[in-house]
Amino acid sequence: MRTSPVPVARPWRTSRLLRGFTMIELIVAMAIISVLIGIFLPNLRRAVAKSDLAACQSNLRNISTSIILYSNDNDRYYPGTLSVCVPRWLKAVPTCPAAHSDTYSGGYTIVGVNESANTATTTATFTIVCKGTNHDEIGLQADEPWYNVNRGIGP
């Protein structure tokens, strides 16, 4: 009678699925992931800063539209503060997304008003500014961006 040989365990011949990963493979995978994170993280910060700038510019346009609507309803007078516009022309006083606070301030320059007759001979102009250095990550200077009713968004 013939007996079948007993299989001998050979660890170097077991399948790759049963062995798992070696330490070197794990270290190489972690190194590749860390290099990719190092490449993409600055670009992600820049993209977030640009989206904050776009939201800030939109806020500036909304504020200027509310000021124009206020002046149309109030004999071409401008509001002293933005909170005056809140119940009717603005839903709420917006905040700069980069600063997370109320940084908008207005510098009103009224051009061509005849003081004696109290009538406007030319259109008035004003500029709304995002105060501070909230957008310096993308290269803007202090007190930028701004919105001028005649020139639009700057810079």
N, C-alpha and C. Protein backbone atom coordinates (compact mmCIF):
# COMPACT_ATOMS: atom_id res chain seq x y z
N MET A 1 0.81 -1.15 0.00
CA MET A 1 0.00 0.00 0.00
C MET A 1 0.88 1.25 0.00
N ARG A 2 0.42 2.11 -0.78
CA ARG A 2 1.17 3.33 -0.94
C ARG A 2 0.57 4.44 -0.10
N THR A 3 1.38 5.15 0.60
CA THR A 3 0.89 6.27 1.39
C THR A 3 1.27 7.57 0.69
N SER A 4 0.37 8.49 0.78
CA SER A 4 0.64 9.78 0.14
C SER A 4 1.57 10.60 1.03
N PRO A 5 2.47 11.34 0.41
CA PRO A 5 3.39 12.13 1.24
C PRO A 5 2.66 13.25 1.95
N VAL A 6 3.11 13.59 3.08
CA VAL A 6 2.55 14.68 3.89
C VAL A 6 3.05 16.00 3.31
N PRO A 7 2.13 16.93 3.00
CA PRO A 7 2.60 18.20 2.44
C PRO A 7 3.43 18.98 3.46
N VAL A 8 4.52 19.53 2.99
CA VAL A 8 5.42 20.30 3.84
C VAL A 8 5.06 21.78 3.67
N ALA A 9 4.95 22.48 4.77
CA ALA A 9 4.63 23.91 4.71
C ALA A 9 5.84 24.68 4.24
N ARG A 10 5.65 25.41 3.17
CA ARG A 10 6.72 26.25 2.64
C ARG A 10 6.24 27.70 2.67
N PRO A 11 6.67 28.48 3.67
CA PRO A 11 6.16 29.85 3.81
C PRO A 11 6.52 30.76 2.65
N TRP A 12 7.60 30.49 1.96
CA TRP A 12 7.99 31.36 0.85
C TRP A 12 7.14 31.11 -0.39
N ARG A 13 6.31 30.04 -0.39
CA ARG A 13 5.47 29.75 -1.52
C ARG A 13 3.99 30.04 -1.27
N THR A 14 3.64 30.59 -0.15
CA THR A 14 2.23 30.90 0.11
C THR A 14 1.81 32.07 -0.76
N SER A 15 0.53 32.21 -0.99
CA SER A 15 0.05 33.26 -1.90
C SER A 15 0.22 34.64 -1.27
N ARG A 16 0.28 35.64 -2.13
CA ARG A 16 0.49 37.02 -1.68
C ARG A 16 -0.70 37.52 -0.87
N LEU A 17 -1.88 37.05 -1.15
CA LEU A 17 -3.06 37.49 -0.42
C LEU A 17 -3.02 37.07 1.04
N LEU A 18 -2.40 35.96 1.30
CA LEU A 18 -2.34 35.48 2.67
C LEU A 18 -1.24 36.16 3.47
N ARG A 19 -0.19 36.65 2.80
CA ARG A 19 0.94 37.24 3.52
C ARG A 19 0.68 38.67 3.95
N GLY A 20 -0.04 39.48 3.17
CA GLY A 20 -0.24 40.90 3.50
C GLY A 20 0.88 41.74 2.90
N PHE A 21 1.02 42.93 3.43
CA PHE A 21 2.03 43.86 2.91
C PHE A 21 3.28 43.80 3.77
N THR A 22 4.38 44.05 3.13
CA THR A 22 5.63 44.12 3.89
C THR A 22 5.77 45.53 4.46
N MET A 23 6.66 45.69 5.37
CA MET A 23 6.87 46.99 6.00
C MET A 23 7.39 48.00 4.98
N ILE A 24 8.24 47.58 4.07
CA ILE A 24 8.78 48.49 3.05
C ILE A 24 7.66 49.00 2.15
N GLU A 25 6.74 48.15 1.77
CA GLU A 25 5.62 48.57 0.92
C GLU A 25 4.76 49.60 1.63
N LEU A 26 4.51 49.42 2.92
CA LEU A 26 3.72 50.39 3.67
C LEU A 26 4.44 51.72 3.79
N ILE A 27 5.73 51.71 4.02
CA ILE A 27 6.50 52.95 4.13
C ILE A 27 6.52 53.69 2.80
N VAL A 28 6.68 52.98 1.71
CA VAL A 28 6.68 53.61 0.39
C VAL A 28 5.31 54.23 0.10
N ALA A 29 4.24 53.53 0.44
CA ALA A 29 2.88 54.07 0.21
C ALA A 29 2.66 55.32 1.05
N MET A 30 3.12 55.32 2.30
CA MET A 30 2.96 56.51 3.14
C MET A 30 3.80 57.67 2.62
N ALA A 31 4.97 57.40 2.09
CA ALA A 31 5.82 58.45 1.53
C ALA A 31 5.16 59.07 0.29
N ILE A 32 4.57 58.26 -0.56
CA ILE A 32 3.90 58.77 -1.75
C ILE A 32 2.70 59.63 -1.36
N ILE A 33 1.94 59.18 -0.38
CA ILE A 33 0.77 59.95 0.07
C ILE A 33 1.22 61.28 0.68
N SER A 34 2.29 61.28 1.46
CA SER A 34 2.75 62.54 2.07
C SER A 34 3.28 63.51 1.02
N VAL A 35 3.91 63.03 -0.03
CA VAL A 35 4.37 63.92 -1.11
C VAL A 35 3.18 64.52 -1.83
N LEU A 36 2.17 63.73 -2.10
CA LEU A 36 0.97 64.25 -2.77
C LEU A 36 0.26 65.29 -1.91
N ILE A 37 0.19 65.07 -0.62
CA ILE A 37 -0.43 66.05 0.28
C ILE A 37 0.39 67.34 0.27
N GLY A 38 1.71 67.21 0.28
CA GLY A 38 2.57 68.39 0.23
C GLY A 38 2.41 69.18 -1.05
N ILE A 39 2.08 68.52 -2.13
CA ILE A 39 1.87 69.21 -3.41
C ILE A 39 0.51 69.89 -3.45
N PHE A 40 -0.53 69.22 -2.99
CA PHE A 40 -1.89 69.72 -3.16
C PHE A 40 -2.37 70.67 -2.07
N LEU A 41 -1.78 70.64 -0.89
CA LEU A 41 -2.26 71.48 0.20
C LEU A 41 -2.11 72.98 -0.07
N PRO A 42 -0.99 73.48 -0.58
CA PRO A 42 -0.93 74.92 -0.91
C PRO A 42 -1.93 75.33 -1.98
N ASN A 43 -2.16 74.47 -2.95
CA ASN A 43 -3.15 74.78 -3.99
C ASN A 43 -4.55 74.82 -3.41
N LEU A 44 -4.83 73.97 -2.44
CA LEU A 44 -6.14 73.98 -1.80
C LEU A 44 -6.34 75.27 -1.02
N ARG A 45 -5.32 75.73 -0.31
CA ARG A 45 -5.42 76.99 0.43
C ARG A 45 -5.67 78.16 -0.51
N ARG A 46 -4.97 78.17 -1.64
CA ARG A 46 -5.15 79.25 -2.61
C ARG A 46 -6.56 79.22 -3.20
N ALA A 47 -7.09 78.04 -3.46
CA ALA A 47 -8.44 77.93 -4.00
C ALA A 47 -9.48 78.41 -2.99
N VAL A 48 -9.28 78.09 -1.72
CA VAL A 48 -10.20 78.56 -0.68
C VAL A 48 -10.12 80.08 -0.56
N ALA A 49 -8.92 80.64 -0.65
CA ALA A 49 -8.77 82.10 -0.57
C ALA A 49 -9.43 82.79 -1.76
N LYS A 50 -9.35 82.20 -2.94
CA LYS A 50 -10.00 82.80 -4.11
C LYS A 50 -11.51 82.71 -4.01
N SER A 51 -12.02 81.63 -3.44
CA SER A 51 -13.47 81.54 -3.26
C SER A 51 -13.96 82.54 -2.21
N ASP A 52 -13.15 82.77 -1.17
CA ASP A 52 -13.49 83.81 -0.19
C ASP A 52 -13.51 85.18 -0.84
N LEU A 53 -12.55 85.44 -1.74
CA LEU A 53 -12.52 86.72 -2.45
C LEU A 53 -13.76 86.90 -3.31
N ALA A 54 -14.17 85.85 -4.01
CA ALA A 54 -15.37 85.95 -4.84
C ALA A 54 -16.61 86.22 -4.00
N ALA A 55 -16.71 85.58 -2.84
CA ALA A 55 -17.84 85.84 -1.94
C ALA A 55 -17.79 87.26 -1.39
N CYS A 56 -16.60 87.76 -1.09
CA CYS A 56 -16.44 89.13 -0.59
C CYS A 56 -16.86 90.14 -1.67
N GLN A 57 -16.45 89.90 -2.90
CA GLN A 57 -16.85 90.79 -3.99
C GLN A 57 -18.36 90.78 -4.20
N SER A 58 -18.96 89.63 -4.06
CA SER A 58 -20.42 89.54 -4.16
C SER A 58 -21.09 90.33 -3.04
N ASN A 59 -20.53 90.24 -1.82
CA ASN A 59 -21.07 91.03 -0.70
C ASN A 59 -20.97 92.53 -0.98
N LEU A 60 -19.83 92.95 -1.56
CA LEU A 60 -19.66 94.37 -1.87
C LEU A 60 -20.70 94.84 -2.89
N ARG A 61 -20.97 94.03 -3.89
CA ARG A 61 -22.00 94.38 -4.87
C ARG A 61 -23.37 94.46 -4.22
N ASN A 62 -23.67 93.50 -3.36
CA ASN A 62 -24.97 93.52 -2.67
C ASN A 62 -25.13 94.76 -1.79
N ILE A 63 -24.05 95.12 -1.09
CA ILE A 63 -24.10 96.31 -0.24
C ILE A 63 -24.33 97.56 -1.09
N SER A 64 -23.61 97.68 -2.20
CA SER A 64 -23.78 98.87 -3.03
C SER A 64 -25.17 98.92 -3.65
N THR A 65 -25.73 97.79 -4.02
CA THR A 65 -27.09 97.78 -4.54
C THR A 65 -28.08 98.22 -3.47
N SER A 66 -27.88 97.77 -2.24
CA SER A 66 -28.79 98.19 -1.16
C SER A 66 -28.65 99.69 -0.88
N ILE A 67 -27.44 100.23 -0.98
CA ILE A 67 -27.25 101.67 -0.76
C ILE A 67 -27.93 102.47 -1.87
N ILE A 68 -27.84 102.01 -3.10
CA ILE A 68 -28.51 102.69 -4.21
C ILE A 68 -30.03 102.64 -4.03
N LEU A 69 -30.54 101.49 -3.64
CA LEU A 69 -31.99 101.38 -3.40
C LEU A 69 -32.43 102.28 -2.25
N TYR A 70 -31.61 102.35 -1.19
CA TYR A 70 -31.91 103.23 -0.07
C TYR A 70 -31.96 104.69 -0.53
N SER A 71 -30.96 105.09 -1.33
CA SER A 71 -30.93 106.49 -1.77
C SER A 71 -32.07 106.80 -2.73
N ASN A 72 -32.49 105.84 -3.52
CA ASN A 72 -33.64 106.07 -4.40
C ASN A 72 -34.93 106.27 -3.60
N ASP A 73 -35.05 105.56 -2.50
CA ASP A 73 -36.27 105.67 -1.69
C ASP A 73 -36.23 106.83 -0.72
N ASN A 74 -35.05 107.42 -0.48
CA ASN A 74 -34.92 108.47 0.53
C ASN A 74 -34.36 109.77 -0.05
N ASP A 75 -34.88 110.21 -1.15
CA ASP A 75 -34.51 111.49 -1.76
C ASP A 75 -33.01 111.63 -1.99
N ARG A 76 -32.37 110.56 -2.47
CA ARG A 76 -30.95 110.53 -2.84
C ARG A 76 -30.01 110.74 -1.65
N TYR A 77 -30.48 110.51 -0.44
CA TYR A 77 -29.61 110.52 0.74
C TYR A 77 -29.06 109.12 0.95
N TYR A 78 -27.82 109.05 1.40
CA TYR A 78 -27.18 107.77 1.67
C TYR A 78 -27.32 107.41 3.14
N PRO A 79 -27.34 106.11 3.45
CA PRO A 79 -27.44 105.71 4.87
C PRO A 79 -26.15 106.02 5.62
N GLY A 80 -26.30 106.34 6.90
CA GLY A 80 -25.12 106.60 7.73
C GLY A 80 -24.36 105.33 8.05
N THR A 81 -25.09 104.25 8.29
CA THR A 81 -24.48 102.95 8.57
C THR A 81 -25.19 101.89 7.74
N LEU A 82 -24.58 100.75 7.63
CA LEU A 82 -25.19 99.67 6.86
C LEU A 82 -26.37 99.04 7.58
N SER A 83 -26.40 99.16 8.91
CA SER A 83 -27.49 98.55 9.66
C SER A 83 -28.84 99.21 9.35
N VAL A 84 -28.81 100.44 8.82
CA VAL A 84 -30.05 101.11 8.43
C VAL A 84 -30.70 100.37 7.26
N CYS A 85 -29.90 99.74 6.42
CA CYS A 85 -30.40 99.05 5.23
C CYS A 85 -30.96 97.66 5.53
N VAL A 86 -30.74 97.16 6.74
CA VAL A 86 -31.02 95.75 7.02
C VAL A 86 -32.49 95.35 6.88
N PRO A 87 -33.43 96.00 7.45
CA PRO A 87 -34.76 95.38 7.38
C PRO A 87 -35.35 95.36 5.98
N ARG A 88 -35.02 96.33 5.16
CA ARG A 88 -35.71 96.42 3.88
C ARG A 88 -34.84 96.10 2.67
N TRP A 89 -33.60 96.55 2.64
CA TRP A 89 -32.78 96.42 1.45
C TRP A 89 -31.71 95.35 1.57
N LEU A 90 -31.33 95.00 2.76
CA LEU A 90 -30.38 93.91 3.00
C LEU A 90 -31.01 92.91 3.96
N LYS A 91 -30.75 91.64 3.73
CA LYS A 91 -31.27 90.63 4.65
C LYS A 91 -30.54 90.72 5.99
N ALA A 92 -29.24 90.90 5.93
CA ALA A 92 -28.39 91.09 7.12
C ALA A 92 -27.12 91.79 6.67
N VAL A 93 -26.43 92.43 7.58
CA VAL A 93 -25.15 93.04 7.23
C VAL A 93 -24.16 91.90 6.99
N PRO A 94 -23.62 91.80 5.78
CA PRO A 94 -22.76 90.66 5.49
C PRO A 94 -21.41 90.76 6.20
N THR A 95 -20.77 89.62 6.34
CA THR A 95 -19.43 89.56 6.91
C THR A 95 -18.47 89.04 5.84
N CYS A 96 -17.25 89.48 5.93
CA CYS A 96 -16.24 89.01 4.99
C CYS A 96 -15.94 87.55 5.30
N PRO A 97 -16.03 86.65 4.32
CA PRO A 97 -15.77 85.24 4.60
C PRO A 97 -14.33 84.95 5.00
N ALA A 98 -13.40 85.79 4.59
CA ALA A 98 -12.00 85.56 4.95
C ALA A 98 -11.71 86.00 6.39
N ALA A 99 -12.42 87.05 6.87
CA ALA A 99 -12.16 87.57 8.20
C ALA A 99 -13.17 87.07 9.24
N HIS A 100 -14.31 86.56 8.78
CA HIS A 100 -15.39 86.11 9.65
C HIS A 100 -15.88 87.20 10.59
N SER A 101 -15.83 88.43 10.11
CA SER A 101 -16.33 89.55 10.90
C SER A 101 -16.79 90.65 9.95
N ASP A 102 -17.43 91.65 10.50
CA ASP A 102 -17.92 92.76 9.71
C ASP A 102 -16.76 93.71 9.42
N THR A 103 -16.22 93.64 8.21
CA THR A 103 -15.09 94.48 7.85
C THR A 103 -15.44 95.49 6.78
N TYR A 104 -16.71 95.55 6.40
CA TYR A 104 -17.08 96.45 5.31
C TYR A 104 -17.34 97.85 5.86
N SER A 105 -16.75 98.80 5.21
CA SER A 105 -16.97 100.18 5.58
C SER A 105 -17.15 100.97 4.30
N GLY A 106 -17.83 102.06 4.40
CA GLY A 106 -18.09 102.85 3.20
C GLY A 106 -17.49 104.23 3.31
N GLY A 107 -16.96 104.67 2.22
CA GLY A 107 -16.52 106.05 2.11
C GLY A 107 -17.39 106.71 1.06
N TYR A 108 -18.24 107.58 1.45
CA TYR A 108 -19.18 108.19 0.52
C TYR A 108 -18.64 109.52 0.04
N THR A 109 -18.56 109.69 -1.24
CA THR A 109 -18.17 110.95 -1.83
C THR A 109 -19.33 111.39 -2.71
N ILE A 110 -20.01 112.43 -2.31
CA ILE A 110 -21.15 112.92 -3.08
C ILE A 110 -20.66 114.06 -3.95
N VAL A 111 -20.82 113.90 -5.24
CA VAL A 111 -20.29 114.85 -6.20
C VAL A 111 -21.44 115.62 -6.83
N GLY A 112 -21.30 116.93 -6.94
CA GLY A 112 -22.23 117.74 -7.70
C GLY A 112 -23.51 118.10 -6.98
N VAL A 113 -23.53 118.20 -5.68
CA VAL A 113 -24.74 118.57 -4.95
C VAL A 113 -24.75 120.07 -4.76
N ASN A 114 -25.80 120.69 -5.18
CA ASN A 114 -25.97 122.14 -5.02
C ASN A 114 -26.51 122.37 -3.61
N GLU A 115 -25.69 122.94 -2.73
CA GLU A 115 -26.07 123.10 -1.33
C GLU A 115 -27.28 124.01 -1.14
N SER A 116 -27.38 125.08 -1.93
CA SER A 116 -28.48 126.03 -1.72
C SER A 116 -29.81 125.45 -2.18
N ALA A 117 -29.81 124.75 -3.31
CA ALA A 117 -31.07 124.21 -3.81
C ALA A 117 -31.30 122.78 -3.34
N ASN A 118 -30.24 122.14 -2.76
CA ASN A 118 -30.31 120.78 -2.26
C ASN A 118 -30.74 119.80 -3.37
N THR A 119 -30.20 120.02 -4.55
CA THR A 119 -30.48 119.12 -5.66
C THR A 119 -29.16 118.60 -6.21
N ALA A 120 -29.20 117.41 -6.74
CA ALA A 120 -27.99 116.81 -7.31
C ALA A 120 -27.93 117.15 -8.79
N THR A 121 -26.81 117.77 -9.19
CA THR A 121 -26.65 118.11 -10.60
C THR A 121 -26.00 116.99 -11.37
N THR A 122 -25.20 116.17 -10.72
CA THR A 122 -24.63 114.98 -11.35
C THR A 122 -24.87 113.81 -10.42
N THR A 123 -24.57 112.65 -10.90
CA THR A 123 -24.78 111.46 -10.06
C THR A 123 -23.74 111.41 -8.97
N ALA A 124 -24.15 110.96 -7.82
CA ALA A 124 -23.23 110.82 -6.69
C ALA A 124 -22.48 109.50 -6.83
N THR A 125 -21.33 109.45 -6.23
CA THR A 125 -20.52 108.24 -6.27
C THR A 125 -20.12 107.83 -4.86
N PHE A 126 -19.89 106.57 -4.67
CA PHE A 126 -19.41 106.06 -3.38
C PHE A 126 -18.58 104.82 -3.61
N THR A 127 -17.79 104.49 -2.60
CA THR A 127 -16.92 103.32 -2.64
C THR A 127 -17.10 102.53 -1.35
N ILE A 128 -17.28 101.23 -1.47
CA ILE A 128 -17.36 100.33 -0.33
C ILE A 128 -16.06 99.52 -0.31
N VAL A 129 -15.45 99.39 0.88
CA VAL A 129 -14.14 98.77 1.01
C VAL A 129 -14.21 97.62 2.01
N CYS A 130 -13.50 96.53 1.70
CA CYS A 130 -13.29 95.45 2.68
C CYS A 130 -12.03 95.81 3.46
N LYS A 131 -12.20 96.25 4.71
CA LYS A 131 -11.08 96.73 5.52
C LYS A 131 -10.19 95.58 5.98
N GLY A 132 -8.92 95.89 6.13
CA GLY A 132 -7.98 94.92 6.69
C GLY A 132 -7.19 94.21 5.61
N THR A 133 -6.42 93.22 6.04
CA THR A 133 -5.61 92.41 5.13
C THR A 133 -6.16 91.00 5.08
N ASN A 134 -7.43 90.87 4.79
CA ASN A 134 -8.08 89.57 4.81
C ASN A 134 -7.71 88.72 3.60
N HIS A 135 -7.36 89.36 2.50
CA HIS A 135 -7.14 88.64 1.26
C HIS A 135 -5.67 88.70 0.83
N ASP A 136 -4.75 88.76 1.79
CA ASP A 136 -3.34 88.86 1.45
C ASP A 136 -2.76 87.54 0.96
N GLU A 137 -3.45 86.42 1.17
CA GLU A 137 -2.94 85.13 0.70
C GLU A 137 -2.89 85.05 -0.82
N ILE A 138 -3.71 85.84 -1.49
CA ILE A 138 -3.71 85.82 -2.95
C ILE A 138 -3.13 87.10 -3.54
N GLY A 139 -2.43 87.87 -2.71
CA GLY A 139 -1.66 88.99 -3.21
C GLY A 139 -2.36 90.33 -3.21
N LEU A 140 -3.48 90.48 -2.53
CA LEU A 140 -4.15 91.78 -2.47
C LEU A 140 -3.58 92.61 -1.33
N GLN A 141 -3.56 93.91 -1.50
CA GLN A 141 -3.06 94.83 -0.49
C GLN A 141 -4.12 95.09 0.58
N ALA A 142 -3.78 95.90 1.55
CA ALA A 142 -4.75 96.28 2.58
C ALA A 142 -5.88 97.09 1.95
N ASP A 143 -7.06 96.94 2.49
CA ASP A 143 -8.27 97.61 2.03
C ASP A 143 -8.62 97.25 0.58
N GLU A 144 -8.40 96.03 0.21
CA GLU A 144 -8.81 95.53 -1.09
C GLU A 144 -9.56 94.24 -0.85
N PRO A 145 -10.56 93.91 -1.56
CA PRO A 145 -11.14 94.55 -2.73
C PRO A 145 -12.05 95.72 -2.35
N TRP A 146 -12.44 96.48 -3.34
CA TRP A 146 -13.35 97.59 -3.14
C TRP A 146 -14.37 97.59 -4.28
N TYR A 147 -15.45 98.28 -4.06
CA TYR A 147 -16.47 98.43 -5.10
C TYR A 147 -16.83 99.90 -5.21
N ASN A 148 -16.66 100.44 -6.41
CA ASN A 148 -17.03 101.81 -6.70
C ASN A 148 -18.23 101.77 -7.62
N VAL A 149 -19.23 102.60 -7.34
CA VAL A 149 -20.46 102.53 -8.10
C VAL A 149 -20.24 102.89 -9.57
N ASN A 150 -19.21 103.68 -9.88
CA ASN A 150 -18.95 104.05 -11.27
C ASN A 150 -17.95 103.11 -11.96
N ARG A 151 -16.98 102.63 -11.20
CA ARG A 151 -15.93 101.80 -11.81
C ARG A 151 -16.12 100.30 -11.60
N GLY A 152 -16.94 99.90 -10.65
CA GLY A 152 -17.17 98.49 -10.39
C GLY A 152 -16.19 97.92 -9.39
N ILE A 153 -15.96 96.61 -9.46
CA ILE A 153 -15.08 95.91 -8.52
C ILE A 153 -13.62 96.22 -8.85
N GLY A 154 -12.85 96.43 -7.82
CA GLY A 154 -11.42 96.63 -8.00
C GLY A 154 -10.66 95.93 -6.89
N PRO A 155 -9.49 95.66 -7.03
CA PRO A 155 -8.70 95.61 -8.25
C PRO A 155 -8.94 94.35 -9.01
